Amino acid sequence: MQSLTLTDLKDRFSPSARMPVVFLGHGSPMNALGDNPFSKSWAELGQSLPRPKAILVVSAHWMTRGTTLVDVSQAPKTIHDFHGFPEALYQQQYPAPGAPDLAKTVASLLASHHAEEDDSWGLDHGAWAVLNSMYPDADVPVFQVSLDMSKDLDWHVETGRLLADLRDRGVLILGSGNVVHNLRRMRFDGGALDFAVEFDTRFAERLEARDLKTLSDRVGLGSLLKEAHPSIDHYLPALTIAGAANAGDDLTFMTDAIDLGSVSMRSFVFHQRDELR
């Protein structure tokens, strides 16, 4: 597969004002139901963002090894990738159209990341649980890009850099995961565990400083990273979104709560100054 140049991209998709890039801490699938502070913040964000022509989602819940898959399906299915939740959650559907032409272009843009086209995935709950609040009419084309779990942290930062040109074509790049995600240490008394607060705070400080080298240094982050992320999948979308930002972007933090003791709901947006309404 040949890699597209920026000129190729501009030829295929009309220009737009530069879109923001967004990372949302999605937490429990239950946040997709009912009226809670997290779903409210997602709804408010959808109303504040410029209207996208399409949405590219990097979700913690689509993991591959040795390749980066891009969903090129015409009508992505709604995937209920969880167990033991109320039936109402399994009834949720998000019938947004896909964006196969754009997705195929993204597969070309990510040729250096061993990208391949795929039509068997769809929208997992990392995507639809937040999009259902952001764009409840499901009328914006959307598709997902997988996480290559065989690669180290800086690989995912570079993925964001490769995708960044899509921002000038009206594409909203949306990451969905959690800055801290340790389900083994969850607690229901409302108290945030010390390691969760420490990692979340360090992440926010380094992100504000645009210090992606530190945030993608597995050795330097050491045991704190391992405690915050026994499995690294929920951290990687945050790195991809950080990689898609540039020096001229403002950074706005949204929700910064620690839920269930060990799940950071921190969300953030990189955007041009005065871009959010």
C-alpha atoms as a PDB file:
ATOM      1  CA  MET A   1       0.000   0.000   0.000  1.00  0.00           C
ATOM      2  CA  GLN A   2       1.421   3.383  -1.022  1.00  0.00           C
ATOM      3  CA  SER A   3       1.489   6.220   1.450  1.00  0.00           C
ATOM      4  CA  LEU A   4      -0.493   9.330   0.514  1.00  0.00           C
ATOM      5  CA  THR A   5       1.158  12.721   0.539  1.00  0.00           C
ATOM      6  CA  LEU A   6      -0.478  15.834   1.957  1.00  0.00           C
ATOM      7  CA  THR A   7      -1.089  16.948  -1.636  1.00  0.00           C
ATOM      8  CA  ASP A   8      -3.030  13.734  -2.294  1.00  0.00           C
ATOM      9  CA  LEU A   9      -5.093  14.351   0.803  1.00  0.00           C
ATOM     10  CA  LYS A  10      -5.929  17.907  -0.224  1.00  0.00           C
ATOM     11  CA  ASP A  11      -6.975  16.687  -3.659  1.00  0.00           C
ATOM     12  CA  ARG A  12      -9.435  14.170  -2.182  1.00  0.00           C
ATOM     13  CA  PHE A  13     -11.027  16.163   0.610  1.00  0.00           C
ATOM     14  CA  SER A  14     -12.070  19.792   0.616  1.00  0.00           C
ATOM     15  CA  PRO A  15     -10.343  22.124   3.074  1.00  0.00           C
ATOM     16  CA  SER A  16     -11.957  23.345   6.270  1.00  0.00           C
ATOM     17  CA  ALA A  17     -11.089  25.344   9.335  1.00  0.00           C
ATOM     18  CA  ARG A  18      -8.732  23.319  11.514  1.00  0.00           C
ATOM     19  CA  MET A  19     -10.731  20.909  13.657  1.00  0.00           C
ATOM     20  CA  PRO A  20      -9.954  20.299  17.317  1.00  0.00           C
ATOM     21  CA  VAL A  21      -8.656  16.952  18.538  1.00  0.00           C
ATOM     22  CA  VAL A  22     -10.431  15.420  21.515  1.00  0.00           C
ATOM     23  CA  PHE A  23      -9.681  12.813  24.163  1.00  0.00           C
ATOM     24  CA  LEU A  24     -12.542  11.613  26.351  1.00  0.00           C
ATOM     25  CA  GLY A  25     -12.272   9.487  29.468  1.00  0.00           C
ATOM     26  CA  HIS A  26     -15.207   7.134  28.897  1.00  0.00           C
ATOM     27  CA  GLY A  27     -15.077   5.002  32.061  1.00  0.00           C
ATOM     28  CA  SER A  28     -17.892   2.545  32.744  1.00  0.00           C
ATOM     29  CA  PRO A  29     -20.279   1.617  29.916  1.00  0.00           C
ATOM     30  CA  MET A  30     -23.046   2.682  32.317  1.00  0.00           C
ATOM     31  CA  ASN A  31     -22.117   6.292  31.578  1.00  0.00           C
ATOM     32  CA  ALA A  32     -23.924   5.802  28.262  1.00  0.00           C
ATOM     33  CA  LEU A  33     -27.225   5.506  30.155  1.00  0.00           C
ATOM     34  CA  GLY A  34     -29.110   8.129  32.050  1.00  0.00           C
ATOM     35  CA  ASP A  35     -28.175  11.592  33.143  1.00  0.00           C
ATOM     36  CA  ASN A  36     -24.733  11.866  34.742  1.00  0.00           C
ATOM     37  CA  PRO A  37     -21.974  14.505  34.832  1.00  0.00           C
ATOM     38  CA  PHE A  38     -19.882  12.653  32.254  1.00  0.00           C
ATOM     39  CA  SER A  39     -22.588  12.228  29.630  1.00  0.00           C
ATOM     40  CA  LYS A  40     -23.629  15.840  30.212  1.00  0.00           C
ATOM     41  CA  SER A  41     -20.083  17.037  29.531  1.00  0.00           C
ATOM     42  CA  TRP A  42     -19.962  14.988  26.310  1.00  0.00           C
ATOM     43  CA  ALA A  43     -23.255  16.495  25.164  1.00  0.00           C
ATOM     44  CA  GLU A  44     -22.024  20.007  25.904  1.00  0.00           C
ATOM     45  CA  LEU A  45     -18.810  19.314  24.003  1.00  0.00           C
ATOM     46  CA  GLY A  46     -20.720  18.130  20.942  1.00  0.00           C
ATOM     47  CA  GLN A  47     -22.650  21.398  20.962  1.00  0.00           C
ATOM     48  CA  SER A  48     -19.456  23.442  21.335  1.00  0.00           C
ATOM     49  CA  LEU A  49     -17.307  21.860  18.629  1.00  0.00           C
ATOM     50  CA  PRO A  50     -17.336  22.896  14.990  1.00  0.00           C
ATOM     51  CA  ARG A  51     -19.542  20.509  13.033  1.00  0.00           C
ATOM     52  CA  PRO A  52     -17.301  17.713  11.676  1.00  0.00           C
ATOM     53  CA  LYS A  53     -17.592  16.196   8.225  1.00  0.00           C
ATOM     54  CA  ALA A  54     -16.545  12.849   9.695  1.00  0.00           C
ATOM     55  CA  ILE A  55     -15.220  11.412  12.948  1.00  0.00           C
ATOM     56  CA  LEU A  56     -12.190   9.150  13.308  1.00  0.00           C
ATOM     57  CA  VAL A  57     -12.236   7.287  16.632  1.00  0.00           C
ATOM     58  CA  VAL A  58      -9.224   5.738  18.335  1.00  0.00           C
ATOM     59  CA  SER A  59     -10.783   3.559  21.042  1.00  0.00           C
ATOM     60  CA  ALA A  60      -9.124   1.590  23.803  1.00  0.00           C
ATOM     61  CA  HIS A  61     -11.360  -1.344  22.914  1.00  0.00           C
ATOM     62  CA  TRP A  62     -10.084  -2.201  19.424  1.00  0.00           C
ATOM     63  CA  MET A  63      -6.714  -3.844  19.895  1.00  0.00           C
ATOM     64  CA  THR A  64      -4.627  -5.563  17.232  1.00  0.00           C
ATOM     65  CA  ARG A  65      -1.068  -6.855  17.064  1.00  0.00           C
ATOM     66  CA  GLY A  66       1.362  -6.221  14.213  1.00  0.00           C
ATOM     67  CA  THR A  67      -1.027  -4.094  12.187  1.00  0.00           C
ATOM     68  CA  THR A  68      -3.236  -1.009  12.411  1.00  0.00           C
ATOM     69  CA  LEU A  69      -6.705  -1.787  11.109  1.00  0.00           C
ATOM     70  CA  VAL A  70      -9.036   0.862   9.682  1.00  0.00           C
ATOM     71  CA  ASP A  71     -12.777   0.176   9.533  1.00  0.00           C
ATOM     72  CA  VAL A  72     -13.990   0.803   5.978  1.00  0.00           C
ATOM     73  CA  SER A  73     -17.553  -0.500   6.428  1.00  0.00           C
ATOM     74  CA  GLN A  74     -20.492   1.419   4.984  1.00  0.00           C
ATOM     75  CA  ALA A  75     -22.633   1.006   8.111  1.00  0.00           C
ATOM     76  CA  PRO A  76     -20.566   0.199  11.214  1.00  0.00           C
ATOM     77  CA  LYS A  77     -22.360  -2.139  13.593  1.00  0.00           C
ATOM     78  CA  THR A  78     -22.838  -1.270  17.262  1.00  0.00           C
ATOM     79  CA  ILE A  79     -20.664  -3.611  19.345  1.00  0.00           C
ATOM     80  CA  HIS A  80     -21.674  -4.432  22.930  1.00  0.00           C
ATOM     81  CA  ASP A  81     -18.230  -5.471  24.126  1.00  0.00           C
ATOM     82  CA  PHE A  82     -18.939  -5.970  27.827  1.00  0.00           C
ATOM     83  CA  HIS A  83     -20.610  -8.470  30.129  1.00  0.00           C
ATOM     84  CA  GLY A  84     -22.860  -8.423  33.158  1.00  0.00           C
ATOM     85  CA  PHE A  85     -24.551  -5.057  32.632  1.00  0.00           C
ATOM     86  CA  PRO A  86     -28.279  -4.193  32.571  1.00  0.00           C
ATOM     87  CA  GLU A  87     -30.241  -5.231  29.497  1.00  0.00           C
ATOM     88  CA  ALA A  88     -30.926  -1.580  28.649  1.00  0.00           C
ATOM     89  CA  LEU A  89     -27.259  -1.156  27.787  1.00  0.00           C
ATOM     90  CA  TYR A  90     -27.360  -4.009  25.289  1.00  0.00           C
ATOM     91  CA  GLN A  91     -30.322  -2.393  23.590  1.00  0.00           C
ATOM     92  CA  GLN A  92     -28.323   0.717  22.774  1.00  0.00           C
ATOM     93  CA  GLN A  93     -27.674   1.248  19.066  1.00  0.00           C
ATOM     94  CA  TYR A  94     -25.693   3.952  17.289  1.00  0.00           C
ATOM     95  CA  PRO A  95     -26.608   3.697  13.587  1.00  0.00           C
ATOM     96  CA  ALA A  96     -24.190   6.286  12.213  1.00  0.00           C
ATOM     97  CA  PRO A  97     -22.979   5.819   8.650  1.00  0.00           C
ATOM     98  CA  GLY A  98     -19.389   4.861   7.985  1.00  0.00           C
ATOM     99  CA  ALA A  99     -16.914   6.838   5.897  1.00  0.00           C
ATOM    100  CA  PRO A 100     -15.377   4.156   3.659  1.00  0.00           C
ATOM    101  CA  ASP A 101     -13.652   6.487   1.192  1.00  0.00           C
ATOM    102  CA  LEU A 102     -12.051   8.505   3.962  1.00  0.00           C
ATOM    103  CA  ALA A 103     -11.187   5.348   5.901  1.00  0.00           C
ATOM    104  CA  LYS A 104      -9.394   3.903   2.877  1.00  0.00           C
ATOM    105  CA  THR A 105      -7.410   7.123   2.600  1.00  0.00           C
ATOM    106  CA  VAL A 106      -6.481   6.887   6.279  1.00  0.00           C
ATOM    107  CA  ALA A 107      -5.251   3.334   5.705  1.00  0.00           C
ATOM    108  CA  SER A 108      -2.955   4.779   3.041  1.00  0.00           C
ATOM    109  CA  LEU A 109      -1.804   7.590   5.331  1.00  0.00           C
ATOM    110  CA  LEU A 110      -0.855   4.971   7.918  1.00  0.00           C
ATOM    111  CA  ALA A 111       1.012   2.704   5.506  1.00  0.00           C
ATOM    112  CA  SER A 112       4.164   3.100   7.611  1.00  0.00           C
ATOM    113  CA  HIS A 113       2.153   1.689  10.534  1.00  0.00           C
ATOM    114  CA  HIS A 114       1.273  -1.485   8.621  1.00  0.00           C
ATOM    115  CA  ALA A 115      -2.306  -0.308   8.145  1.00  0.00           C
ATOM    116  CA  GLU A 116      -4.895  -2.550   6.559  1.00  0.00           C
ATOM    117  CA  GLU A 117      -8.531  -2.061   5.624  1.00  0.00           C
ATOM    118  CA  ASP A 118     -11.124  -3.945   7.687  1.00  0.00           C
ATOM    119  CA  ASP A 119     -14.897  -4.274   7.443  1.00  0.00           C
ATOM    120  CA  SER A 120     -15.558  -6.655  10.328  1.00  0.00           C
ATOM    121  CA  TRP A 121     -15.370  -4.327  13.338  1.00  0.00           C
ATOM    122  CA  GLY A 122     -17.771  -1.404  13.743  1.00  0.00           C
ATOM    123  CA  LEU A 123     -18.232   0.867  16.773  1.00  0.00           C
ATOM    124  CA  ASP A 124     -17.301  -0.509  20.187  1.00  0.00           C
ATOM    125  CA  HIS A 125     -18.511   1.106  23.401  1.00  0.00           C
ATOM    126  CA  GLY A 126     -15.441   3.325  23.552  1.00  0.00           C
ATOM    127  CA  ALA A 127     -16.912   5.023  20.489  1.00  0.00           C
ATOM    128  CA  TRP A 128     -20.709   4.861  20.708  1.00  0.00           C
ATOM    129  CA  ALA A 129     -20.991   5.441  24.455  1.00  0.00           C
ATOM    130  CA  VAL A 130     -19.576   8.958  24.042  1.00  0.00           C
ATOM    131  CA  LEU A 131     -20.874   9.704  20.537  1.00  0.00           C
ATOM    132  CA  ASN A 132     -24.427   8.948  21.643  1.00  0.00           C
ATOM    133  CA  SER A 133     -24.214  12.030  23.862  1.00  0.00           C
ATOM    134  CA  MET A 134     -22.100  14.176  21.540  1.00  0.00           C
ATOM    135  CA  TYR A 135     -24.096  13.553  18.371  1.00  0.00           C
ATOM    136  CA  PRO A 136     -27.356  11.845  19.430  1.00  0.00           C
ATOM    137  CA  ASP A 137     -28.821  11.925  15.919  1.00  0.00           C
ATOM    138  CA  ALA A 138     -26.001   9.623  14.699  1.00  0.00           C
ATOM    139  CA  ASP A 139     -25.834  11.666  11.513  1.00  0.00           C
ATOM    140  CA  VAL A 140     -22.068  12.258  11.295  1.00  0.00           C
ATOM    141  CA  PRO A 141     -20.049   9.562   9.445  1.00  0.00           C
ATOM    142  CA  VAL A 142     -17.746   7.720  11.836  1.00  0.00           C
ATOM    143  CA  PHE A 143     -15.112   5.000  11.688  1.00  0.00           C
ATOM    144  CA  GLN A 144     -12.491   3.495  13.983  1.00  0.00           C
ATOM    145  CA  VAL A 145      -8.747   2.901  13.806  1.00  0.00           C
ATOM    146  CA  SER A 146      -7.244   0.108  15.924  1.00  0.00           C
ATOM    147  CA  LEU A 147      -4.383   0.158  18.425  1.00  0.00           C
ATOM    148  CA  ASP A 148      -1.341  -1.940  17.563  1.00  0.00           C
ATOM    149  CA  MET A 149      -0.542  -3.395  20.975  1.00  0.00           C
ATOM    150  CA  SER A 150       2.795  -4.771  19.793  1.00  0.00           C
ATOM    151  CA  LYS A 151       4.250  -1.244  19.552  1.00  0.00           C
ATOM    152  CA  ASP A 152       5.614   0.991  22.288  1.00  0.00           C
ATOM    153  CA  LEU A 153       4.173   4.291  23.461  1.00  0.00           C
ATOM    154  CA  ASP A 154       5.989   6.618  21.067  1.00  0.00           C
ATOM    155  CA  TRP A 155       4.559   4.662  18.109  1.00  0.00           C
ATOM    156  CA  HIS A 156       1.085   5.826  19.108  1.00  0.00           C
ATOM    157  CA  VAL A 157       2.213   9.441  19.436  1.00  0.00           C
ATOM    158  CA  GLU A 158       3.547   9.162  15.883  1.00  0.00           C
ATOM    159  CA  THR A 159       0.196   7.737  14.744  1.00  0.00           C
ATOM    160  CA  GLY A 160      -1.403  10.972  15.883  1.00  0.00           C
ATOM    161  CA  ARG A 161       1.155  13.033  14.003  1.00  0.00           C
ATOM    162  CA  LEU A 162       0.418  11.111  10.815  1.00  0.00           C
ATOM    163  CA  LEU A 163      -3.307  11.704  11.227  1.00  0.00           C
ATOM    164  CA  ALA A 164      -3.023  15.395  12.093  1.00  0.00           C
ATOM    165  CA  ASP A 165      -3.492  16.646   8.516  1.00  0.00           C
ATOM    166  CA  LEU A 166      -7.050  15.320   8.603  1.00  0.00           C
ATOM    167  CA  ARG A 167      -7.870  18.185  10.952  1.00  0.00           C
ATOM    168  CA  ASP A 168      -7.711  20.557   7.978  1.00  0.00           C
ATOM    169  CA  ARG A 169     -10.199  18.392   6.052  1.00  0.00           C
ATOM    170  CA  GLY A 170     -13.056  18.673   8.550  1.00  0.00           C
ATOM    171  CA  VAL A 171     -12.296  15.424  10.391  1.00  0.00           C
ATOM    172  CA  LEU A 172     -12.692  15.243  14.166  1.00  0.00           C
ATOM    173  CA  ILE A 173     -10.026  12.937  15.620  1.00  0.00           C
ATOM    174  CA  LEU A 174     -11.475  11.504  18.825  1.00  0.00           C
ATOM    175  CA  GLY A 175      -9.592   9.358  21.328  1.00  0.00           C
ATOM    176  CA  SER A 176     -11.531   7.361  23.913  1.00  0.00           C
ATOM    177  CA  GLY A 177      -9.890   5.668  26.886  1.00  0.00           C
ATOM    178  CA  ASN A 178      -8.816   6.730  30.383  1.00  0.00           C
ATOM    179  CA  VAL A 179      -5.705   8.496  31.673  1.00  0.00           C
ATOM    180  CA  VAL A 180      -5.792   6.087  34.635  1.00  0.00           C
ATOM    181  CA  HIS A 181      -7.505   2.708  34.277  1.00  0.00           C
ATOM    182  CA  ASN A 182      -6.941   0.035  36.906  1.00  0.00           C
ATOM    183  CA  LEU A 183     -10.092  -2.039  37.311  1.00  0.00           C
ATOM    184  CA  ARG A 184      -8.385  -4.347  39.804  1.00  0.00           C
ATOM    185  CA  ARG A 185      -8.181  -1.513  42.314  1.00  0.00           C
ATOM    186  CA  MET A 186     -11.702  -0.110  41.921  1.00  0.00           C
ATOM    187  CA  ARG A 187     -13.485   0.983  45.078  1.00  0.00           C
ATOM    188  CA  PHE A 188     -17.032   2.201  45.573  1.00  0.00           C
ATOM    189  CA  ASP A 189     -16.625   4.526  48.540  1.00  0.00           C
ATOM    190  CA  GLY A 190     -15.854   7.519  46.334  1.00  0.00           C
ATOM    191  CA  GLY A 191     -12.269   7.978  47.474  1.00  0.00           C
ATOM    192  CA  ALA A 192      -9.543   8.440  44.861  1.00  0.00           C
ATOM    193  CA  LEU A 193      -6.499   6.241  45.357  1.00  0.00           C
ATOM    194  CA  ASP A 194      -3.154   8.007  45.720  1.00  0.00           C
ATOM    195  CA  PHE A 195      -1.511   6.406  42.685  1.00  0.00           C
ATOM    196  CA  ALA A 196      -4.465   7.439  40.490  1.00  0.00           C
ATOM    197  CA  VAL A 197      -4.239  11.048  41.586  1.00  0.00           C
ATOM    198  CA  GLU A 198      -0.453  11.067  41.178  1.00  0.00           C
ATOM    199  CA  PHE A 199      -0.457   9.668  37.648  1.00  0.00           C
ATOM    200  CA  ASP A 200      -3.390  11.808  36.538  1.00  0.00           C
ATOM    201  CA  THR A 201      -1.700  14.946  37.890  1.00  0.00           C
ATOM    202  CA  ARG A 202       1.637  14.100  36.301  1.00  0.00           C
ATOM    203  CA  PHE A 203      -0.041  13.422  32.972  1.00  0.00           C
ATOM    204  CA  ALA A 204      -1.875  16.767  33.037  1.00  0.00           C
ATOM    205  CA  GLU A 205       1.281  18.695  33.939  1.00  0.00           C
ATOM    206  CA  ARG A 206       3.371  17.057  31.216  1.00  0.00           C
ATOM    207  CA  LEU A 207       0.604  17.459  28.648  1.00  0.00           C
ATOM    208  CA  GLU A 208       0.339  21.168  29.413  1.00  0.00           C
ATOM    209  CA  ALA A 209       4.102  21.404  28.892  1.00  0.00           C
ATOM    210  CA  ARG A 210       3.737  19.474  25.589  1.00  0.00           C
ATOM    211  CA  ASP A 211       6.270  17.028  27.016  1.00  0.00           C
ATOM    212  CA  LEU A 212       5.245  13.995  25.013  1.00  0.00           C
ATOM    213  CA  LYS A 213       8.697  12.470  25.399  1.00  0.00           C
ATOM    214  CA  THR A 214       8.088  11.978  29.114  1.00  0.00           C
ATOM    215  CA  LEU A 215       4.515  10.779  28.592  1.00  0.00           C
ATOM    216  CA  SER A 216       5.696   8.127  26.120  1.00  0.00           C
ATOM    217  CA  ASP A 217       8.715   6.979  28.157  1.00  0.00           C
ATOM    218  CA  ARG A 218       7.612   3.652  29.610  1.00  0.00           C
ATOM    219  CA  VAL A 219      10.875   3.196  31.524  1.00  0.00           C
ATOM    220  CA  GLY A 220      10.830   6.706  32.932  1.00  0.00           C
ATOM    221  CA  LEU A 221       7.205   6.423  34.061  1.00  0.00           C
ATOM    222  CA  GLY A 222       8.186   3.183  35.743  1.00  0.00           C
ATOM    223  CA  SER A 223       6.062   1.464  38.360  1.00  0.00           C
ATOM    224  CA  LEU A 224       3.560   4.333  38.486  1.00  0.00           C
ATOM    225  CA  LEU A 225       2.563   3.629  34.879  1.00  0.00           C
ATOM    226  CA  LYS A 226       2.169  -0.063  35.666  1.00  0.00           C
ATOM    227  CA  GLU A 227      -0.068   0.738  38.609  1.00  0.00           C
ATOM    228  CA  ALA A 228      -2.140   3.225  36.623  1.00  0.00           C
ATOM    229  CA  HIS A 229      -2.374   0.857  33.645  1.00  0.00           C
ATOM    230  CA  PRO A 230      -1.975  -2.879  34.279  1.00  0.00           C
ATOM    231  CA  SER A 231      -2.922  -3.069  30.594  1.00  0.00           C
ATOM    232  CA  ILE A 232      -1.837  -0.088  28.524  1.00  0.00           C
ATOM    233  CA  ASP A 233      -4.799  -0.019  26.105  1.00  0.00           C
ATOM    234  CA  HIS A 234      -6.730   2.827  27.784  1.00  0.00           C
ATOM    235  CA  TYR A 235      -3.660   5.079  27.847  1.00  0.00           C
ATOM    236  CA  LEU A 236      -2.732   4.794  24.168  1.00  0.00           C
ATOM    237  CA  PRO A 237      -5.612   6.852  22.707  1.00  0.00           C
ATOM    238  CA  ALA A 238      -4.548   9.793  24.891  1.00  0.00           C
ATOM    239  CA  LEU A 239      -1.062   9.621  23.384  1.00  0.00           C
ATOM    240  CA  THR A 240      -2.453   9.456  19.850  1.00  0.00           C
ATOM    241  CA  ILE A 241      -4.554  12.562  20.443  1.00  0.00           C
ATOM    242  CA  ALA A 242      -1.586  14.392  21.989  1.00  0.00           C
ATOM    243  CA  GLY A 243       0.441  13.496  18.901  1.00  0.00           C
ATOM    244  CA  ALA A 244      -2.200  15.031  16.621  1.00  0.00           C
ATOM    245  CA  ALA A 245      -1.949  18.413  18.365  1.00  0.00           C
ATOM    246  CA  ASN A 246       0.459  21.151  17.318  1.00  0.00           C
ATOM    247  CA  ALA A 247       2.319  23.972  19.008  1.00  0.00           C
ATOM    248  CA  GLY A 248      -0.339  26.521  18.041  1.00  0.00           C
ATOM    249  CA  ASP A 249      -3.176  24.711  19.791  1.00  0.00           C
ATOM    250  CA  ASP A 250      -4.676  25.752  23.086  1.00  0.00           C
ATOM    251  CA  LEU A 251      -5.326  22.963  25.579  1.00  0.00           C
ATOM    252  CA  THR A 252      -8.598  22.798  27.490  1.00  0.00           C
ATOM    253  CA  PHE A 253      -9.197  20.204  30.201  1.00  0.00           C
ATOM    254  CA  MET A 254     -12.730  19.010  30.794  1.00  0.00           C
ATOM    255  CA  THR A 255     -13.769  16.470  33.419  1.00  0.00           C
ATOM    256  CA  ASP A 256     -10.877  15.643  35.749  1.00  0.00           C
ATOM    257  CA  ALA A 257     -12.611  13.430  38.330  1.00  0.00           C
ATOM    258  CA  ILE A 258     -11.284  10.090  39.548  1.00  0.00           C
ATOM    259  CA  ASP A 259     -14.199   7.640  39.357  1.00  0.00           C
ATOM    260  CA  LEU A 260     -14.426   4.399  41.358  1.00  0.00           C
ATOM    261  CA  GLY A 261     -11.114   5.201  43.024  1.00  0.00           C
ATOM    262  CA  SER A 262      -8.887   4.145  40.144  1.00  0.00           C
ATOM    263  CA  VAL A 263     -10.376   5.392  36.848  1.00  0.00           C
ATOM    264  CA  SER A 264      -9.484   8.890  35.681  1.00  0.00           C
ATOM    265  CA  MET A 265     -12.266  10.565  33.736  1.00  0.00           C
ATOM    266  CA  ARG A 266      -9.970  13.383  32.644  1.00  0.00           C
ATOM    267  CA  SER A 267     -10.828  14.624  29.168  1.00  0.00           C
ATOM    268  CA  PHE A 268      -9.121  17.267  27.060  1.00  0.00           C
ATOM    269  CA  VAL A 269      -9.354  19.189  23.812  1.00  0.00           C
ATOM    270  CA  PHE A 270      -6.581  20.695  21.708  1.00  0.00           C
ATOM    271  CA  HIS A 271      -8.023  23.520  19.633  1.00  0.00           C
ATOM    272  CA  GLN A 272      -7.258  26.772  17.895  1.00  0.00           C
ATOM    273  CA  ARG A 273      -7.736  29.843  20.051  1.00  0.00           C
ATOM    274  CA  ASP A 274     -11.411  30.866  20.375  1.00  0.00           C
ATOM    275  CA  GLU A 275     -12.448  27.826  18.356  1.00  0.00           C
ATOM    276  CA  LEU A 276     -14.808  26.359  20.945  1.00  0.00           C
ATOM    277  CA  ARG A 277     -18.171  28.048  21.221  1.00  0.00           C
END
